[in-house]
Amino acid sequence: MKKIIEEKETKGFEKLLGERVTVFCANYIYTGKLIGVNDSVILLADPAIVYETGSFSEKHWKDAQPLPHQWYIMVNAIESFGLLK
């Protein structure tokens, strides 16, 4: 008898750990290296808040202001996320 073993596929934020992500929230856009994730928050290193994106085809944001330390974002405030820059 063959036994089928299912591997748990990593997806969502866990798949992006270590990557520089962009997070669209209800009021702001944040970007930074994703270094932590749990059910309620994500943690960004080298974070910035994006006040003006400019063209999404450009390599850099038009106006992204660095935040002074690592930054936590509530998962329930996130509308979308991904790798942009």
C-alpha atoms as a PDB file:
ATOM      1  CA  MET A   1       0.000   0.000   0.000  1.00  0.00           C
ATOM      2  CA  LYS A   2       1.359   3.424  -0.970  1.00  0.00           C
ATOM      3  CA  LYS A   3       1.191   6.252   1.503  1.00  0.00           C
ATOM      4  CA  ILE A   4       0.727   9.799   0.198  1.00  0.00           C
ATOM      5  CA  ILE A   5       2.531  12.424   2.225  1.00  0.00           C
ATOM      6  CA  GLU A   6       1.354  15.985   1.735  1.00  0.00           C
ATOM      7  CA  GLU A   7       3.910  18.744   2.062  1.00  0.00           C
ATOM      8  CA  LYS A   8       2.648  21.944   3.566  1.00  0.00           C
ATOM      9  CA  GLU A   9       3.046  24.634   0.926  1.00  0.00           C
ATOM     10  CA  THR A  10       4.324  27.907   2.285  1.00  0.00           C
ATOM     11  CA  LYS A  11       2.237  30.802   1.045  1.00  0.00           C
ATOM     12  CA  GLY A  12       1.160  34.298   1.924  1.00  0.00           C
ATOM     13  CA  PHE A  13       3.444  36.300   4.161  1.00  0.00           C
ATOM     14  CA  GLU A  14       5.441  33.238   5.235  1.00  0.00           C
ATOM     15  CA  LYS A  15       6.530  32.698   1.630  1.00  0.00           C
ATOM     16  CA  LEU A  16       7.823  36.284   1.474  1.00  0.00           C
ATOM     17  CA  LEU A  17       9.928  36.206   4.669  1.00  0.00           C
ATOM     18  CA  GLY A  18      13.293  37.823   3.971  1.00  0.00           C
ATOM     19  CA  GLU A  19      11.991  39.729   0.927  1.00  0.00           C
ATOM     20  CA  ARG A  20      11.393  43.465   0.581  1.00  0.00           C
ATOM     21  CA  VAL A  21       7.604  43.702   0.478  1.00  0.00           C
ATOM     22  CA  THR A  22       5.107  46.461  -0.168  1.00  0.00           C
ATOM     23  CA  VAL A  23       1.978  46.486   1.968  1.00  0.00           C
ATOM     24  CA  PHE A  24      -1.127  48.467   1.018  1.00  0.00           C
ATOM     25  CA  CYS A  25      -3.195  49.287   4.105  1.00  0.00           C
ATOM     26  CA  ALA A  26      -6.432  51.208   4.602  1.00  0.00           C
ATOM     27  CA  ASN A  27      -4.636  54.566   4.868  1.00  0.00           C
ATOM     28  CA  TYR A  28      -0.952  54.099   4.049  1.00  0.00           C
ATOM     29  CA  ILE A  29       1.530  52.113   1.999  1.00  0.00           C
ATOM     30  CA  TYR A  30       4.506  50.581   3.784  1.00  0.00           C
ATOM     31  CA  THR A  31       7.596  48.909   2.407  1.00  0.00           C
ATOM     32  CA  GLY A  32      10.436  47.047   4.072  1.00  0.00           C
ATOM     33  CA  LYS A  33      12.126  43.697   4.574  1.00  0.00           C
ATOM     34  CA  LEU A  34       9.645  41.212   6.019  1.00  0.00           C
ATOM     35  CA  ILE A  35      11.340  39.658   9.049  1.00  0.00           C
ATOM     36  CA  GLY A  36       8.417  38.430  11.137  1.00  0.00           C
ATOM     37  CA  VAL A  37       4.854  37.245  10.777  1.00  0.00           C
ATOM     38  CA  ASN A  38       2.156  35.803  13.021  1.00  0.00           C
ATOM     39  CA  ASP A  39      -1.635  35.731  13.028  1.00  0.00           C
ATOM     40  CA  SER A  40      -2.036  39.370  14.078  1.00  0.00           C
ATOM     41  CA  VAL A  41       1.027  41.351  12.895  1.00  0.00           C
ATOM     42  CA  ILE A  42       3.904  41.449  10.456  1.00  0.00           C
ATOM     43  CA  LEU A  43       7.285  42.988  11.261  1.00  0.00           C
ATOM     44  CA  LEU A  44       9.312  45.036   8.770  1.00  0.00           C
ATOM     45  CA  ALA A  45      13.011  45.870   9.023  1.00  0.00           C
ATOM     46  CA  ASP A  46      14.374  48.949   7.236  1.00  0.00           C
ATOM     47  CA  PRO A  47      10.780  50.177   6.893  1.00  0.00           C
ATOM     48  CA  ALA A  48       9.459  53.198   5.045  1.00  0.00           C
ATOM     49  CA  ILE A  49       6.070  54.797   4.639  1.00  0.00           C
ATOM     50  CA  VAL A  50       5.240  55.702   1.047  1.00  0.00           C
ATOM     51  CA  TYR A  51       3.508  59.059   0.717  1.00  0.00           C
ATOM     52  CA  GLU A  52       3.685  59.245  -3.081  1.00  0.00           C
ATOM     53  CA  THR A  53       4.289  56.248  -5.317  1.00  0.00           C
ATOM     54  CA  GLY A  54       4.996  57.823  -8.662  1.00  0.00           C
ATOM     55  CA  SER A  55       4.809  55.389 -11.573  1.00  0.00           C
ATOM     56  CA  PHE A  56       4.821  51.723 -10.573  1.00  0.00           C
ATOM     57  CA  SER A  57       7.204  51.066 -13.454  1.00  0.00           C
ATOM     58  CA  GLU A  58       9.888  53.206 -11.798  1.00  0.00           C
ATOM     59  CA  LYS A  59      12.576  51.573  -9.644  1.00  0.00           C
ATOM     60  CA  HIS A  60      12.164  53.971  -6.683  1.00  0.00           C
ATOM     61  CA  TRP A  61       9.195  55.532  -4.925  1.00  0.00           C
ATOM     62  CA  LYS A  62       8.590  59.219  -5.582  1.00  0.00           C
ATOM     63  CA  ASP A  63       8.313  59.944  -1.821  1.00  0.00           C
ATOM     64  CA  ALA A  64       9.096  57.190   0.704  1.00  0.00           C
ATOM     65  CA  GLN A  65      10.111  58.331   4.178  1.00  0.00           C
ATOM     66  CA  PRO A  66      12.178  55.922   6.291  1.00  0.00           C
ATOM     67  CA  LEU A  67      10.798  54.982   9.684  1.00  0.00           C
ATOM     68  CA  PRO A  68      13.269  55.078  12.593  1.00  0.00           C
ATOM     69  CA  HIS A  69      13.072  51.426  13.719  1.00  0.00           C
ATOM     70  CA  GLN A  70      11.526  48.085  12.866  1.00  0.00           C
ATOM     71  CA  TRP A  71       7.801  48.509  12.278  1.00  0.00           C
ATOM     72  CA  TYR A  72       4.802  46.342  13.136  1.00  0.00           C
ATOM     73  CA  ILE A  73       1.693  46.348  10.948  1.00  0.00           C
ATOM     74  CA  MET A  74      -1.620  44.823  11.989  1.00  0.00           C
ATOM     75  CA  VAL A  75      -2.653  42.085   9.565  1.00  0.00           C
ATOM     76  CA  ASN A  76      -6.322  43.107   9.791  1.00  0.00           C
ATOM     77  CA  ALA A  77      -5.423  46.555   8.344  1.00  0.00           C
ATOM     78  CA  ILE A  78      -3.735  45.103   5.233  1.00  0.00           C
ATOM     79  CA  GLU A  79      -5.658  45.248   1.968  1.00  0.00           C
ATOM     80  CA  SER A  80      -2.982  43.755  -0.313  1.00  0.00           C
ATOM     81  CA  PHE A  81       0.740  43.000  -0.397  1.00  0.00           C
ATOM     82  CA  GLY A  82       3.478  41.822  -2.695  1.00  0.00           C
ATOM     83  CA  LEU A  83       6.910  42.409  -4.183  1.00  0.00           C
ATOM     84  CA  LEU A  84       7.067  45.686  -6.123  1.00  0.00           C
ATOM     85  CA  LYS A  85      10.421  47.389  -5.707  1.00  0.00           C
END
